[in-house]
Structures are given as C-alpha cells and as structure tokens.
Amino acid sequence: MYNISMRMLGIKEDAEDVVQDSFVDAFKRLDSFRYESTFGSWLKRIVINKSINYAKLKQIPVTSLDQHSYHLKEIKEETVEKPRHMDINRIKKAITLLPNGYRQIISLYLIEGYDHVEISEVLDISVSTSKSQYHRAKRKLIELVNEL
C-alpha cells in the first residue's frame, strides 16, 4: 500500500502518513466493508483516494499542466522516440522524475489499472482530460527513460 501512495505523492513522509491514516480509517470502518471485493482491494481503494485527497489538500497540481514547462503542444506521434532498452529500473526512476500530475495519471492508469472513466471520477476531471494527460505523461516518460 505504501508503494501506491509513494508513486502518487512522490514524498516518502507524506506517503507514510497517508498509508497510516488509511489503515486507521479502514479499521474504524470495518463494519462498512461489504465483502463485494477482497479486503486488500478495498484497502487499496482507500489508500488511492486518501492519496488523491492529500495531494489536493497540499494543492499539488493534478491536471493544470498548461502553464507547466512539460506542457506539450500538438506533438506528432512519430516525433516521440521509443525507449532504447526497456529496463524496469530506468522506468521506475523515470516515473519518480515525472511532475506530480503526470505521475498520478501514469500510476492510476498503467500501474493500478484504472480506466479513464474511473480516473476522471477519482480526480474530478473530464475523461478527455484524463486521456490527454495520460498521453502527455507517456511521452514525457519515454523521453525521461531515453535520457537515463
């Protein structure tokens, strides 16, 4: 659970706080667990939601990347260089170097398996924003992997 929060927040201490709060909340609300999924899935959802709420409280930008230095303007697909070598350690390192908003989208979509509809609901953004931010994040991730 810590890894989920760490990927989303990027700060070790914040991730530890969120995971601890998630466990406390889960055990306080055990009576609301309806056995429609595994306990682990239920707890994972709590950690993800708490991580997103924490990021919002700290005013970490999730989707307002238009003024960010990593904002990409209409890049053609063929201009994005594919990674030279798919080394998992380089990919993990590159994910940590992504801006917070990009890292959240990549974590939710690629690592946690959320679809764009779920991401839009969780982050309170439109589905099209989720898709466009994911594509921008993916391009930036490929760029970072190639630089490492």
Protein backbone atom coordinates (compact mmCIF):
# COMPACT_ATOMS: atom_id res chain seq x y z
CA MET A 1 0.00 0.00 0.00
CA TYR A 2 2.91 2.31 0.74
CA ASN A 3 4.19 1.94 -2.83
CA ILE A 4 0.85 3.08 -4.24
CA SER A 5 0.84 6.22 -2.12
CA MET A 6 4.53 6.88 -2.76
CA ARG A 7 4.05 6.69 -6.53
CA MET A 8 1.18 9.14 -6.33
CA LEU A 9 2.64 11.65 -3.89
CA GLY A 10 6.37 11.32 -4.51
CA ILE A 11 7.32 12.26 -0.95
CA LYS A 12 8.19 9.44 1.44
CA GLU A 13 6.92 11.08 4.61
CA ASP A 14 3.63 12.11 3.01
CA ALA A 15 3.09 8.60 1.68
CA GLU A 16 3.76 7.11 5.12
CA ASP A 17 1.23 9.48 6.71
CA VAL A 18 -1.42 8.69 4.12
CA VAL A 19 -0.95 4.91 4.46
CA GLN A 20 -1.14 5.12 8.25
CA ASP A 21 -4.31 7.24 8.07
CA SER A 22 -5.76 4.78 5.55
CA PHE A 23 -5.22 1.82 7.87
CA VAL A 24 -6.77 3.69 10.79
CA ASP A 25 -9.79 4.68 8.67
CA ALA A 26 -10.18 1.15 7.30
CA PHE A 27 -10.24 -0.40 10.75
CA LYS A 28 -12.63 2.24 12.05
CA ARG A 29 -14.97 1.49 9.16
CA LEU A 30 -14.67 -2.30 9.06
CA ASP A 31 -18.41 -2.54 9.56
CA SER A 32 -18.91 -0.83 6.17
CA PHE A 33 -16.86 -3.49 4.34
CA ARG A 34 -19.45 -5.38 2.27
CA TYR A 35 -17.35 -8.33 1.04
CA GLU A 36 -18.02 -7.36 -2.59
CA SER A 37 -14.25 -7.44 -3.16
CA THR A 38 -11.21 -8.60 -1.25
CA PHE A 39 -10.17 -6.68 1.83
CA GLY A 40 -6.92 -5.79 0.04
CA SER A 41 -8.79 -4.24 -2.89
CA TRP A 42 -11.00 -2.27 -0.51
CA LEU A 43 -7.96 -1.02 1.43
CA LYS A 44 -6.12 -0.19 -1.81
CA ARG A 45 -9.05 1.97 -2.91
CA ILE A 46 -8.94 3.80 0.43
CA VAL A 47 -5.19 4.44 0.06
CA ILE A 48 -5.61 5.74 -3.50
CA ASN A 49 -8.49 8.03 -2.53
CA LYS A 50 -6.63 9.33 0.52
CA SER A 51 -3.51 9.95 -1.60
CA ILE A 52 -5.52 11.93 -4.12
CA ASN A 53 -7.28 13.92 -1.39
CA TYR A 54 -3.95 14.61 0.31
CA ALA A 55 -2.47 15.85 -2.97
CA LYS A 56 -5.48 18.15 -3.42
CA LEU A 57 -5.14 19.48 0.14
CA LYS A 58 -1.48 20.25 -0.42
CA GLN A 59 -2.56 21.87 -3.68
CA ILE A 60 -0.30 19.67 -5.74
CA PRO A 61 -1.40 20.32 -9.31
CA VAL A 62 -3.06 17.27 -10.78
CA THR A 63 -4.25 18.44 -14.18
CA SER A 64 -3.41 22.10 -14.59
CA LEU A 65 -0.32 21.48 -16.66
CA ASP A 66 -0.97 24.06 -19.36
CA GLN A 67 1.50 26.51 -17.85
CA HIS A 68 3.93 23.82 -16.77
CA SER A 69 7.28 23.54 -18.53
CA TYR A 70 6.37 19.98 -19.51
CA HIS A 71 3.23 21.01 -21.37
CA LEU A 72 3.42 19.67 -24.89
CA LYS A 73 1.75 21.30 -27.86
CA GLU A 74 0.46 19.02 -30.61
CA ILE A 75 3.39 16.67 -30.97
CA LYS A 76 3.09 14.22 -33.82
CA GLU A 77 3.27 10.59 -32.76
CA GLU A 78 6.26 9.86 -35.00
CA THR A 79 8.38 12.53 -33.25
CA VAL A 80 8.26 10.64 -29.95
CA GLU A 81 11.32 8.46 -29.70
CA LYS A 82 10.71 4.95 -28.41
CA PRO A 83 12.78 3.79 -25.43
CA ARG A 84 16.09 2.22 -26.44
CA HIS A 85 16.02 -0.51 -23.85
CA MET A 86 13.14 -1.49 -21.57
CA ASP A 87 14.96 -1.68 -18.24
CA ILE A 88 12.46 -1.72 -15.37
CA ASN A 89 14.80 0.20 -13.06
CA ARG A 90 15.12 3.01 -15.61
CA ILE A 91 11.35 3.12 -15.99
CA LYS A 92 10.82 3.25 -12.20
CA LYS A 93 13.42 6.01 -11.90
CA ALA A 94 11.82 7.95 -14.76
CA ILE A 95 8.38 7.70 -13.11
CA THR A 96 9.79 9.32 -9.97
CA LEU A 97 11.11 12.19 -12.10
CA LEU A 98 7.71 12.96 -13.66
CA PRO A 99 5.83 16.05 -12.47
CA ASN A 100 3.16 15.19 -9.86
CA GLY A 101 0.18 15.40 -12.22
CA TYR A 102 1.83 13.17 -14.80
CA ARG A 103 2.97 10.71 -12.14
CA GLN A 104 -0.58 10.41 -10.77
CA ILE A 105 -2.10 9.69 -14.18
CA ILE A 106 0.62 7.16 -15.06
CA SER A 107 0.27 5.46 -11.66
CA LEU A 108 -3.50 5.22 -11.84
CA TYR A 109 -3.68 4.10 -15.47
CA LEU A 110 -0.62 1.91 -16.03
CA ILE A 111 0.20 0.62 -12.58
CA GLU A 112 -3.15 0.50 -10.77
CA GLY A 113 -5.19 -0.43 -13.85
CA TYR A 114 -7.83 2.28 -13.63
CA ASP A 115 -9.53 3.25 -16.89
CA HIS A 116 -10.03 6.86 -17.97
CA VAL A 117 -13.63 6.98 -16.73
CA GLU A 118 -12.52 5.87 -13.25
CA ILE A 119 -9.60 8.31 -13.26
CA SER A 120 -11.90 11.15 -14.27
CA GLU A 121 -14.22 10.34 -11.37
CA VAL A 122 -11.41 9.96 -8.83
CA LEU A 123 -9.53 13.12 -9.87
CA ASP A 124 -12.70 15.10 -10.69
CA ILE A 125 -11.61 15.82 -14.25
CA SER A 126 -13.14 15.03 -17.64
CA VAL A 127 -12.46 11.77 -19.43
CA SER A 128 -10.83 13.67 -22.30
CA THR A 129 -8.52 15.46 -19.85
CA SER A 130 -7.54 12.11 -18.36
CA LYS A 131 -6.74 10.75 -21.82
CA SER A 132 -4.78 13.78 -22.97
CA GLN A 133 -2.80 14.00 -19.72
CA TYR A 134 -2.03 10.28 -19.95
CA HIS A 135 -0.66 10.68 -23.49
CA ARG A 136 1.43 13.67 -22.44
CA ALA A 137 2.69 11.79 -19.39
CA LYS A 138 3.55 8.76 -21.52
CA ARG A 139 5.55 10.92 -23.96
CA LYS A 140 7.41 12.56 -21.09
CA LEU A 141 8.08 9.17 -19.51
CA ILE A 142 9.55 7.83 -22.76
CA GLU A 143 11.71 10.94 -23.02
CA LEU A 144 12.97 10.51 -19.46
CA VAL A 145 13.66 6.78 -19.94
CA ASN A 146 15.72 7.58 -23.03
CA GLU A 147 17.74 10.18 -21.09
CA LEU A 148 18.62 7.76 -18.27
